[in-house]
C-alpha atoms as a PDB file:
ATOM      1  CA  MET A   1      88.386 119.472  98.783  1.00  0.00           C
ATOM      2  CA  THR A   2      92.163 119.035  98.659  1.00  0.00           C
ATOM      3  CA  GLY A   3      92.792 121.081  95.523  1.00  0.00           C
ATOM      4  CA  TYR A   4      93.902 118.038  93.518  1.00  0.00           C
ATOM      5  CA  ARG A   5      91.581 116.435  90.989  1.00  0.00           C
ATOM      6  CA  SER A   6      93.982 114.079  89.213  1.00  0.00           C
ATOM      7  CA  PHE A   7      97.099 112.139  90.198  1.00  0.00           C
ATOM      8  CA  VAL A   8      99.501 109.886  88.267  1.00  0.00           C
ATOM      9  CA  ALA A   9     102.118 107.806  90.097  1.00  0.00           C
ATOM     10  CA  ILE A  10     105.146 106.490  88.200  1.00  0.00           C
ATOM     11  CA  GLY A  11     108.004 104.333  89.439  1.00  0.00           C
ATOM     12  CA  ASP A  12     108.947 100.832  90.551  1.00  0.00           C
ATOM     13  CA  SER A  13     107.930  98.423  93.336  1.00  0.00           C
ATOM     14  CA  PHE A  14     107.900 101.146  95.993  1.00  0.00           C
ATOM     15  CA  THR A  15     105.129 102.975  94.151  1.00  0.00           C
ATOM     16  CA  GLU A  16     103.413  99.761  93.028  1.00  0.00           C
ATOM     17  CA  GLY A  17     102.921  99.097  96.730  1.00  0.00           C
ATOM     18  CA  MET A  18     105.064  96.094  97.642  1.00  0.00           C
ATOM     19  CA  ASN A  19     104.645  94.656 100.294  1.00  0.00           C
ATOM     20  CA  ASP A  20     101.414  96.286 101.458  1.00  0.00           C
ATOM     21  CA  GLU A  21      99.084  93.410 100.585  1.00  0.00           C
ATOM     22  CA  ARG A  22      95.326  93.411 100.497  1.00  0.00           C
ATOM     23  CA  PRO A  23      93.440  90.273 101.565  1.00  0.00           C
ATOM     24  CA  ASP A  24      93.200  89.191  97.911  1.00  0.00           C
ATOM     25  CA  GLY A  25      96.983  89.348  97.476  1.00  0.00           C
ATOM     26  CA  THR A  26      97.091  92.544  95.412  1.00  0.00           C
ATOM     27  CA  TYR A  27      99.155  95.519  96.525  1.00  0.00           C
ATOM     28  CA  ARG A  28      97.820  98.761  97.976  1.00  0.00           C
ATOM     29  CA  GLY A  29     100.832 100.875  98.956  1.00  0.00           C
ATOM     30  CA  TRP A  30     101.422 104.496  99.819  1.00  0.00           C
ATOM     31  CA  ALA A  31     100.332 105.808  96.391  1.00  0.00           C
ATOM     32  CA  ASP A  32      96.874 104.209  96.610  1.00  0.00           C
ATOM     33  CA  ARG A  33      96.596 105.456 100.176  1.00  0.00           C
ATOM     34  CA  LEU A  34      97.614 108.971  99.122  1.00  0.00           C
ATOM     35  CA  ALA A  35      95.075 108.912  96.300  1.00  0.00           C
ATOM     36  CA  GLU A  36      92.361 108.094  98.821  1.00  0.00           C
ATOM     37  CA  ILE A  37      93.440 111.073 100.944  1.00  0.00           C
ATOM     38  CA  LEU A  38      93.566 113.444  97.968  1.00  0.00           C
ATOM     39  CA  ALA A  39      90.168 112.287  96.664  1.00  0.00           C
ATOM     40  CA  ASP A  40      88.537 113.293  99.957  1.00  0.00           C
ATOM     41  CA  GLY A  41      85.270 111.729  98.868  1.00  0.00           C
ATOM     42  CA  SER A  42      85.207 113.480  95.488  1.00  0.00           C
ATOM     43  CA  PRO A  43      83.587 111.185  92.882  1.00  0.00           C
ATOM     44  CA  ASP A  44      85.469 112.738  89.956  1.00  0.00           C
ATOM     45  CA  PHE A  45      88.989 112.452  91.405  1.00  0.00           C
ATOM     46  CA  ALA A  46      91.080 110.553  88.834  1.00  0.00           C
ATOM     47  CA  TYR A  47      94.088 108.354  89.572  1.00  0.00           C
ATOM     48  CA  ALA A  48      96.563 106.242  87.609  1.00  0.00           C
ATOM     49  CA  ASN A  49      99.381 104.103  88.979  1.00  0.00           C
ATOM     50  CA  LEU A  50     101.818 103.026  86.266  1.00  0.00           C
ATOM     51  CA  ALA A  51     104.533 101.706  88.581  1.00  0.00           C
ATOM     52  CA  ILE A  52     105.891  98.204  88.032  1.00  0.00           C
ATOM     53  CA  ARG A  53     108.288  96.262  90.227  1.00  0.00           C
ATOM     54  CA  GLY A  54     111.848  95.926  88.972  1.00  0.00           C
ATOM     55  CA  LYS A  55     111.680  98.804  86.503  1.00  0.00           C
ATOM     56  CA  MET A  56     114.917 100.647  85.839  1.00  0.00           C
ATOM     57  CA  LEU A  57     115.122 104.418  85.487  1.00  0.00           C
ATOM     58  CA  THR A  58     115.300 104.447  81.689  1.00  0.00           C
ATOM     59  CA  GLU A  59     112.245 102.194  81.454  1.00  0.00           C
ATOM     60  CA  ILE A  60     110.263 104.438  83.772  1.00  0.00           C
ATOM     61  CA  MET A  61     111.208 107.555  81.820  1.00  0.00           C
ATOM     62  CA  THR A  62     110.454 106.033  78.417  1.00  0.00           C
ATOM     63  CA  GLU A  63     107.410 103.882  79.255  1.00  0.00           C
ATOM     64  CA  GLN A  64     105.604 105.700  82.078  1.00  0.00           C
ATOM     65  CA  LEU A  65     106.611 109.369  81.867  1.00  0.00           C
ATOM     66  CA  PRO A  66     105.041 109.938  78.397  1.00  0.00           C
ATOM     67  CA  MET A  67     101.575 109.036  79.699  1.00  0.00           C
ATOM     68  CA  ALA A  68     101.935 111.507  82.574  1.00  0.00           C
ATOM     69  CA  LEU A  69     102.984 114.199  80.114  1.00  0.00           C
ATOM     70  CA  GLU A  70     100.101 113.378  77.795  1.00  0.00           C
ATOM     71  CA  THR A  71      97.348 113.406  80.426  1.00  0.00           C
ATOM     72  CA  LYS A  72      98.732 116.408  82.354  1.00  0.00           C
ATOM     73  CA  PRO A  73      97.293 115.581  85.786  1.00  0.00           C
ATOM     74  CA  ASP A  74      97.412 118.009  88.677  1.00  0.00           C
ATOM     75  CA  LEU A  75     100.068 115.886  90.392  1.00  0.00           C
ATOM     76  CA  VAL A  76     102.725 113.361  89.367  1.00  0.00           C
ATOM     77  CA  THR A  77     104.775 111.460  91.924  1.00  0.00           C
ATOM     78  CA  VAL A  78     108.153 110.118  90.839  1.00  0.00           C
ATOM     79  CA  CYS A  79     110.390 107.633  92.615  1.00  0.00           C
ATOM     80  CA  ALA A  80     112.929 106.012  90.302  1.00  0.00           C
ATOM     81  CA  GLY A  81     116.581 105.082  90.034  1.00  0.00           C
ATOM     82  CA  GLY A  82     116.888 102.904  93.115  1.00  0.00           C
ATOM     83  CA  ASN A  83     117.155  99.736  91.045  1.00  0.00           C
ATOM     84  CA  ASP A  84     119.926 101.324  88.993  1.00  0.00           C
ATOM     85  CA  ILE A  85     122.216 102.710  91.648  1.00  0.00           C
ATOM     86  CA  ILE A  86     122.614  99.466  93.612  1.00  0.00           C
ATOM     87  CA  VAL A  87     123.968  97.633  90.583  1.00  0.00           C
ATOM     88  CA  PRO A  88     127.771  97.340  90.920  1.00  0.00           C
ATOM     89  CA  GLY A  89     129.557  99.961  88.836  1.00  0.00           C
ATOM     90  CA  ALA A  90     126.490 102.154  88.334  1.00  0.00           C
ATOM     91  CA  ASP A  91     127.203 105.835  87.674  1.00  0.00           C
ATOM     92  CA  VAL A  92     125.045 107.621  90.254  1.00  0.00           C
ATOM     93  CA  ASP A  93     125.734 111.060  88.763  1.00  0.00           C
ATOM     94  CA  ALA A  94     124.667 109.946  85.286  1.00  0.00           C
ATOM     95  CA  LYS A  95     121.470 108.428  86.634  1.00  0.00           C
ATOM     96  CA  ALA A  96     120.678 111.629  88.507  1.00  0.00           C
ATOM     97  CA  ALA A  97     121.082 113.601  85.261  1.00  0.00           C
ATOM     98  CA  GLU A  98     118.683 111.234  83.488  1.00  0.00           C
ATOM     99  CA  PHE A  99     116.214 111.588  86.348  1.00  0.00           C
ATOM    100  CA  GLU A 100     116.425 115.384  86.192  1.00  0.00           C
ATOM    101  CA  ALA A 101     115.564 115.424  82.480  1.00  0.00           C
ATOM    102  CA  GLY A 102     112.268 113.715  83.269  1.00  0.00           C
ATOM    103  CA  ILE A 103     111.436 116.107  86.087  1.00  0.00           C
ATOM    104  CA  ALA A 104     112.248 119.089  83.878  1.00  0.00           C
ATOM    105  CA  ALA A 105     109.831 117.795  81.232  1.00  0.00           C
ATOM    106  CA  LEU A 106     107.011 117.482  83.758  1.00  0.00           C
ATOM    107  CA  ARG A 107     107.603 120.915  85.245  1.00  0.00           C
ATOM    108  CA  ALA A 108     107.779 122.473  81.768  1.00  0.00           C
ATOM    109  CA  GLU A 109     104.148 121.377  81.326  1.00  0.00           C
ATOM    110  CA  GLY A 110     103.171 123.048  84.592  1.00  0.00           C
ATOM    111  CA  ILE A 111     102.567 119.733  86.372  1.00  0.00           C
ATOM    112  CA  GLU A 112     103.169 119.658  90.112  1.00  0.00           C
ATOM    113  CA  VAL A 113     105.773 117.024  90.963  1.00  0.00           C
ATOM    114  CA  LEU A 114     106.435 115.165  94.198  1.00  0.00           C
ATOM    115  CA  LEU A 115     109.762 113.319  94.553  1.00  0.00           C
ATOM    116  CA  PHE A 116     111.017 110.815  97.130  1.00  0.00           C
ATOM    117  CA  THR A 117     114.508 110.322  98.474  1.00  0.00           C
ATOM    118  CA  GLY A 118     115.753 106.849  99.292  1.00  0.00           C
ATOM    119  CA  PRO A 119     115.389 105.743 102.926  1.00  0.00           C
ATOM    120  CA  ASP A 120     118.243 105.333 105.378  1.00  0.00           C
ATOM    121  CA  THR A 121     119.153 101.625 105.553  1.00  0.00           C
ATOM    122  CA  LYS A 122     121.462 101.954 108.563  1.00  0.00           C
ATOM    123  CA  SER A 123     119.354  99.585 110.670  1.00  0.00           C
ATOM    124  CA  MET A 124     119.257  96.886 107.974  1.00  0.00           C
ATOM    125  CA  SER A 125     122.053  94.314 108.175  1.00  0.00           C
ATOM    126  CA  VAL A 126     123.949  93.790 104.873  1.00  0.00           C
ATOM    127  CA  ILE A 127     121.724  96.271 103.024  1.00  0.00           C
ATOM    128  CA  ASN A 128     123.311  99.070 105.037  1.00  0.00           C
ATOM    129  CA  MET A 129     126.340  98.780 102.758  1.00  0.00           C
ATOM    130  CA  LEU A 130     124.302 100.725 100.189  1.00  0.00           C
ATOM    131  CA  ARG A 131     123.978 103.805 102.412  1.00  0.00           C
ATOM    132  CA  GLY A 132     126.765 105.727 100.679  1.00  0.00           C
ATOM    133  CA  LYS A 133     125.342 105.397  97.170  1.00  0.00           C
ATOM    134  CA  VAL A 134     121.816 106.137  98.368  1.00  0.00           C
ATOM    135  CA  ALA A 135     123.038 109.238 100.208  1.00  0.00           C
ATOM    136  CA  ILE A 136     124.799 110.573  97.093  1.00  0.00           C
ATOM    137  CA  TYR A 137     121.707 109.971  94.955  1.00  0.00           C
ATOM    138  CA  ASN A 138     119.558 111.658  97.604  1.00  0.00           C
ATOM    139  CA  ALA A 139     121.760 114.752  97.484  1.00  0.00           C
ATOM    140  CA  HIS A 140     121.134 114.928  93.739  1.00  0.00           C
ATOM    141  CA  LEU A 141     117.384 114.507  94.236  1.00  0.00           C
ATOM    142  CA  ARG A 142     117.201 117.356  96.729  1.00  0.00           C
ATOM    143  CA  ALA A 143     119.107 119.602  94.343  1.00  0.00           C
ATOM    144  CA  ILE A 144     116.821 118.597  91.460  1.00  0.00           C
ATOM    145  CA  ALA A 145     113.746 119.409  93.538  1.00  0.00           C
ATOM    146  CA  ASP A 146     115.222 122.791  94.385  1.00  0.00           C
ATOM    147  CA  ARG A 147     116.171 123.644  90.791  1.00  0.00           C
ATOM    148  CA  HIS A 148     112.764 122.716  89.381  1.00  0.00           C
ATOM    149  CA  ASP A 149     110.549 123.859  92.248  1.00  0.00           C
ATOM    150  CA  ALA A 150     109.342 120.327  92.931  1.00  0.00           C
ATOM    151  CA  LYS A 151     108.201 119.023  96.306  1.00  0.00           C
ATOM    152  CA  ILE A 152     110.106 116.202  97.977  1.00  0.00           C
ATOM    153  CA  VAL A 153     109.359 113.602 100.651  1.00  0.00           C
ATOM    154  CA  ASP A 154     112.584 112.933 102.535  1.00  0.00           C
ATOM    155  CA  LEU A 155     112.278 109.271 103.487  1.00  0.00           C
ATOM    156  CA  TRP A 156     115.857 109.345 104.799  1.00  0.00           C
ATOM    157  CA  SER A 157     114.896 111.700 107.626  1.00  0.00           C
ATOM    158  CA  MET A 158     111.693 109.873 108.627  1.00  0.00           C
ATOM    159  CA  ASP A 159     112.697 108.460 112.021  1.00  0.00           C
ATOM    160  CA  THR A 160     109.720 106.094 112.078  1.00  0.00           C
ATOM    161  CA  LEU A 161     111.204 104.252 109.079  1.00  0.00           C
ATOM    162  CA  HIS A 162     114.357 103.492 111.068  1.00  0.00           C
ATOM    163  CA  ASP A 163     112.420 100.919 113.085  1.00  0.00           C
ATOM    164  CA  ILE A 164     112.887  97.340 111.865  1.00  0.00           C
ATOM    165  CA  ARG A 165     109.093  96.935 111.844  1.00  0.00           C
ATOM    166  CA  ALA A 166     108.882  99.361 108.938  1.00  0.00           C
ATOM    167  CA  TRP A 167     110.632  96.819 106.715  1.00  0.00           C
ATOM    168  CA  SER A 168     109.500  93.551 105.153  1.00  0.00           C
ATOM    169  CA  ASP A 169     111.522  90.355 105.509  1.00  0.00           C
ATOM    170  CA  ASP A 170     113.246  91.055 102.186  1.00  0.00           C
ATOM    171  CA  ARG A 171     114.842  94.173 103.785  1.00  0.00           C
ATOM    172  CA  LEU A 172     114.054  96.241 100.720  1.00  0.00           C
ATOM    173  CA  HIS A 173     110.308  96.836 100.764  1.00  0.00           C
ATOM    174  CA  PHE A 174     108.137  98.479 103.377  1.00  0.00           C
ATOM    175  CA  THR A 175     105.409  96.944 105.494  1.00  0.00           C
ATOM    176  CA  ALA A 176     101.784  98.061 105.315  1.00  0.00           C
ATOM    177  CA  GLU A 177     102.231 100.278 108.382  1.00  0.00           C
ATOM    178  CA  ALA A 178     105.230 102.003 106.816  1.00  0.00           C
ATOM    179  CA  HIS A 179     103.284 102.590 103.588  1.00  0.00           C
ATOM    180  CA  ARG A 180     100.509 104.178 105.663  1.00  0.00           C
ATOM    181  CA  ARG A 181     102.970 106.535 107.334  1.00  0.00           C
ATOM    182  CA  ILE A 182     104.621 107.440 104.021  1.00  0.00           C
ATOM    183  CA  ALA A 183     101.230 108.350 102.550  1.00  0.00           C
ATOM    184  CA  LEU A 184     100.560 110.610 105.526  1.00  0.00           C
ATOM    185  CA  ARG A 185     103.964 112.256 105.157  1.00  0.00           C
ATOM    186  CA  ALA A 186     103.378 112.796 101.420  1.00  0.00           C
ATOM    187  CA  ALA A 187     100.025 114.434 102.145  1.00  0.00           C
ATOM    188  CA  GLU A 188     101.712 116.699 104.688  1.00  0.00           C
ATOM    189  CA  VAL A 189     104.337 117.799 102.136  1.00  0.00           C
ATOM    190  CA  LEU A 190     101.517 118.595  99.708  1.00  0.00           C
ATOM    191  CA  GLY A 191      99.777 120.681 102.349  1.00  0.00           C
ATOM    192  CA  VAL A 192      96.808 118.331 102.628  1.00  0.00           C
ATOM    193  CA  PRO A 193      95.476 117.854 106.181  1.00  0.00           C
ATOM    194  CA  THR A 194      95.067 114.328 107.558  1.00  0.00           C
ATOM    195  CA  SER A 195      93.448 112.841 110.641  1.00  0.00           C
ATOM    196  CA  ALA A 196      96.557 110.863 111.655  1.00  0.00           C
ATOM    197  CA  ASP A 197     100.221 111.654 112.338  1.00  0.00           C
ATOM    198  CA  TRP A 198     103.033 109.723 110.638  1.00  0.00           C
ATOM    199  CA  ARG A 199     105.317 110.587 113.580  1.00  0.00           C
ATOM    200  CA  GLU A 200     103.364 108.438 116.027  1.00  0.00           C
ATOM    201  CA  SER A 201     105.722 106.175 117.970  1.00  0.00           C
ATOM    202  CA  TRP A 202     105.786 102.451 117.370  1.00  0.00           C
ATOM    203  CA  PRO A 203     104.508 100.274 120.250  1.00  0.00           C
ATOM    204  CA  GLU A 204     107.100  99.264 122.816  1.00  0.00           C
ATOM    205  CA  THR A 205     108.848  95.931 122.263  1.00  0.00           C
ATOM    206  CA  ASP A 206     110.256  93.369 124.691  1.00  0.00           C
ATOM    207  CA  GLY A 207     113.837  93.786 123.522  1.00  0.00           C
ATOM    208  CA  HIS A 208     116.223  93.280 120.624  1.00  0.00           C
ATOM    209  CA  PRO A 209     117.340  90.023 118.966  1.00  0.00           C
ATOM    210  CA  ASN A 210     120.751  88.705 119.968  1.00  0.00           C
ATOM    211  CA  TRP A 211     123.790  88.338 117.713  1.00  0.00           C
ATOM    212  CA  LEU A 212     123.122  84.685 116.861  1.00  0.00           C
ATOM    213  CA  THR A 213     119.532  85.391 115.881  1.00  0.00           C
ATOM    214  CA  LEU A 214     120.655  88.232 113.614  1.00  0.00           C
ATOM    215  CA  ARG A 215     123.278  86.062 111.889  1.00  0.00           C
ATOM    216  CA  ARG A 216     120.743  83.305 111.269  1.00  0.00           C
ATOM    217  CA  SER A 217     118.449  85.929 109.822  1.00  0.00           C
ATOM    218  CA  ASP A 218     121.238  87.110 107.497  1.00  0.00           C
ATOM    219  CA  LEU A 219     121.781  83.555 106.219  1.00  0.00           C
ATOM    220  CA  GLU A 220     118.064  83.036 105.605  1.00  0.00           C
ATOM    221  CA  TRP A 221     117.786  86.376 103.826  1.00  0.00           C
ATOM    222  CA  THR A 222     120.745  85.484 101.595  1.00  0.00           C
ATOM    223  CA  ARG A 223     119.184  82.160 100.643  1.00  0.00           C
ATOM    224  CA  ALA A 224     115.653  83.458 100.133  1.00  0.00           C
ATOM    225  CA  HIS A 225     116.323  86.854  98.545  1.00  0.00           C
ATOM    226  CA  LEU A 226     119.905  87.717  97.636  1.00  0.00           C
ATOM    227  CA  LEU A 227     120.836  84.571  95.692  1.00  0.00           C
ATOM    228  CA  PRO A 228     117.627  84.618  93.582  1.00  0.00           C
ATOM    229  CA  TRP A 229     118.323  88.287  92.759  1.00  0.00           C
ATOM    230  CA  ILE A 230     121.863  87.450  91.629  1.00  0.00           C
ATOM    231  CA  ARG A 231     120.535  84.664  89.400  1.00  0.00           C
ATOM    232  CA  ARG A 232     118.020  87.025  87.804  1.00  0.00           C
ATOM    233  CA  GLN A 233     120.722  89.625  87.218  1.00  0.00           C
ATOM    234  CA  LEU A 234     122.911  87.052  85.458  1.00  0.00           C
ATOM    235  CA  ARG A 235     119.987  86.005  83.263  1.00  0.00           C
ATOM    236  CA  GLY A 236     118.902  89.563  82.504  1.00  0.00           C
ATOM    237  CA  GLU A 237     115.511  88.923  84.080  1.00  0.00           C
ATOM    238  CA  SER A 238     113.271  91.133  86.212  1.00  0.00           C
ATOM    239  CA  LEU A 239     110.258  90.459  88.392  1.00  0.00           C
ATOM    240  CA  GLY A 240     108.562  93.170  86.345  1.00  0.00           C
ATOM    241  CA  ASP A 241     108.672  91.021  83.221  1.00  0.00           C
ATOM    242  CA  GLY A 242     105.102  90.386  82.076  1.00  0.00           C
ATOM    243  CA  ILE A 243     103.544  92.622  84.737  1.00  0.00           C
ATOM    244  CA  THR A 244     101.166  95.395  83.718  1.00  0.00           C
ATOM    245  CA  PRO A 245     100.264  98.534  85.731  1.00  0.00           C
ATOM    246  CA  LYS A 246      97.497  98.044  88.264  1.00  0.00           C
ATOM    247  CA  ARG A 247      95.833 101.310  87.206  1.00  0.00           C
ATOM    248  CA  PRO A 248      96.993 101.826  83.600  1.00  0.00           C
ATOM    249  CA  SER A 249      94.886 104.888  82.793  1.00  0.00           C
ATOM    250  CA  LEU A 250      93.747 108.051  84.508  1.00  0.00           C
ATOM    251  CA  THR A 251      90.244 107.073  85.650  1.00  0.00           C
ATOM    252  CA  PRO A 252      88.000 108.013  88.586  1.00  0.00           C
ATOM    253  CA  LEU A 253      89.242 106.500  91.820  1.00  0.00           C
ATOM    254  CA  ARG A 254      85.694 105.404  92.594  1.00  0.00           C
ATOM    255  CA  GLU A 255      83.651 104.393  89.565  1.00  0.00           C
ATOM    256  CA  PRO A 256      79.836 104.642  89.797  1.00  0.00           C
ATOM    257  CA  ALA A 257      78.333 101.195  90.256  1.00  0.00           C
ATOM    258  CA  GLY A 258      77.999  99.310  86.984  1.00  0.00           C
ATOM    259  CA  SER A 259      79.856 101.877  84.883  1.00  0.00           C
ATOM    260  CA  ALA A 260      83.489 100.883  85.273  1.00  0.00           C
ATOM    261  CA  PRO A 261      85.335 100.665  81.928  1.00  0.00           C
ATOM    262  CA  LEU A 262      87.182  97.483  81.063  1.00  0.00           C
ATOM    263  CA  TYR A 263      90.821  96.880  80.317  1.00  0.00           C
ATOM    264  CA  GLN A 264      92.818  93.756  79.636  1.00  0.00           C
ATOM    265  CA  GLN A 265      95.284  92.260  82.087  1.00  0.00           C
ATOM    266  CA  VAL A 266      98.069  90.671  80.049  1.00  0.00           C
ATOM    267  CA  SER A 267     101.303  88.890  80.772  1.00  0.00           C
ATOM    268  CA  THR A 268     104.304  87.426  78.988  1.00  0.00           C
ATOM    269  CA  THR A 269     104.072  83.752  78.018  1.00  0.00           C
ATOM    270  CA  PRO A 270     106.306  81.440  75.999  1.00  0.00           C
ATOM    271  CA  ALA A 271     106.328  81.911  72.241  1.00  0.00           C
ATOM    272  CA  GLY A 272     103.557  80.007  70.492  1.00  0.00           C
ATOM    273  CA  THR A 273     101.384  79.751  73.600  1.00  0.00           C
ATOM    274  CA  THR A 274      97.653  80.402  73.363  1.00  0.00           C
ATOM    275  CA  VAL A 275      96.726  83.013  75.935  1.00  0.00           C
ATOM    276  CA  THR A 276      93.409  83.570  77.663  1.00  0.00           C
ATOM    277  CA  VAL A 277      92.931  87.220  78.601  1.00  0.00           C
ATOM    278  CA  SER A 278      90.373  88.377  81.155  1.00  0.00           C
ATOM    279  CA  ALA A 279      88.624  91.756  81.101  1.00  0.00           C
ATOM    280  CA  VAL A 280      88.114  93.469  84.456  1.00  0.00           C
ATOM    281  CA  PRO A 281      87.045  96.923  85.664  1.00  0.00           C
ATOM    282  CA  ALA A 282      89.896  99.422  85.241  1.00  0.00           C
ATOM    283  CA  ASN A 283      89.828 100.481  88.869  1.00  0.00           C
ATOM    284  CA  THR A 284      89.481  96.980  90.281  1.00  0.00           C
ATOM    285  CA  ALA A 285      92.399  95.442  92.123  1.00  0.00           C
ATOM    286  CA  VAL A 286      93.437  92.302  90.269  1.00  0.00           C
ATOM    287  CA  PRO A 287      96.256  89.838  90.779  1.00  0.00           C
ATOM    288  CA  ASN A 288      99.259  90.559  88.579  1.00  0.00           C
ATOM    289  CA  THR A 289      99.039  87.067  87.108  1.00  0.00           C
ATOM    290  CA  ALA A 290      95.531  87.229  85.582  1.00  0.00           C
ATOM    291  CA  VAL A 291      96.571  85.348  82.456  1.00  0.00           C
ATOM    292  CA  SER A 292      96.297  81.632  81.882  1.00  0.00           C
ATOM    293  CA  ALA A 293      97.976  79.582  79.147  1.00  0.00           C
ATOM    294  CA  ASN A 294      97.339  76.137  77.652  1.00  0.00           C
ATOM    295  CA  THR A 295     100.742  74.904  78.720  1.00  0.00           C
ATOM    296  CA  SER A 296     101.465  72.722  81.715  1.00  0.00           C
ATOM    297  CA  THR A 297     103.353  75.529  83.418  1.00  0.00           C
ATOM    298  CA  ALA A 298     101.526  78.792  84.115  1.00  0.00           C
ATOM    299  CA  ALA A 299     103.339  82.125  84.236  1.00  0.00           C
ATOM    300  CA  SER A 300     104.006  83.149  87.831  1.00  0.00           C
ATOM    301  CA  THR A 301     105.358  86.112  89.729  1.00  0.00           C
ATOM    302  CA  ALA A 302     107.013  86.567  93.116  1.00  0.00           C
ATOM    303  CA  ASN A 303     106.650  89.117  95.897  1.00  0.00           C
ATOM    304  CA  PHE A 304     110.206  90.364  95.922  1.00  0.00           C
ATOM    305  CA  THR A 305     112.368  92.632  93.810  1.00  0.00           C
ATOM    306  CA  PRO A 306     115.857  92.643  95.378  1.00  0.00           C
ATOM    307  CA  ALA A 307     117.041  95.204  92.811  1.00  0.00           C
ATOM    308  CA  GLU A 308     115.236  97.997  94.650  1.00  0.00           C
ATOM    309  CA  PRO A 309     116.111  99.891  97.808  1.00  0.00           C
ATOM    310  CA  ALA A 310     112.619  99.950  99.288  1.00  0.00           C
ATOM    311  CA  ASP A 311     111.501 102.367  97.573  1.00  0.00           C
ATOM    312  CA  ASN A 312     111.974 101.517  95.108  1.00  0.00           C
END
């Protein structure tokens, strides 16, 4: 037994699990992996993951935090604010104060809290321009953890995340291997033993890409990821629009066969559209677009949220 019997994860795409894909296209991520470690085979271990890609700090604190406060699990993990601080003109200090209010509320209820700093983006071309703002926010997060006796996973200092193979092509979300290592590091911070070591070195490579290859990569990244993000920002859109949490309630991680409760997977559709809603087991991984409409164009989602610094 690990000492934890319930766990709620709140946040954005980092905690939702992008881009750690299962064969069916749904996301696993470090939080699901950590839940599996904490459950340690216990059939009554309960887990909820409320995180949704693209969510801003205020949305996380007003939409997701109340459920964590209401259910009072043994553990709540919080990673939020990354989408806010990379927006030009964002007040990092103000966002840190808003973040701290949420942590204070959780700790006032006696809930154990695990925080995450932002990772170091030094190795990521273009994105490395955000290092200064991320570093300032991280300093606030460490101070918040200290003031409220919360635990913290320092992604910035994880050397294994400095390898380019830890990052997806969008340069903002982690690969499956990085999510695995982050889950192991989180378990270590919580004092839970694991059978693997997140510090394990990456396999040797044949060399590094040359300057021309890197510049071509920058151009492709701009076309495929940066420009779409700018368009969404101008339109006030988010990839989280219409997405619901993959585990919306605190339920057993492993339901007994045939007894899984049902919940509805819903999405946003144009006004006046007739929507078909499917019911699925609450702990079953389902695509985030499980809604069909009687229009010629179905609602769709993408695999990238540029408004988040990997973590996030």
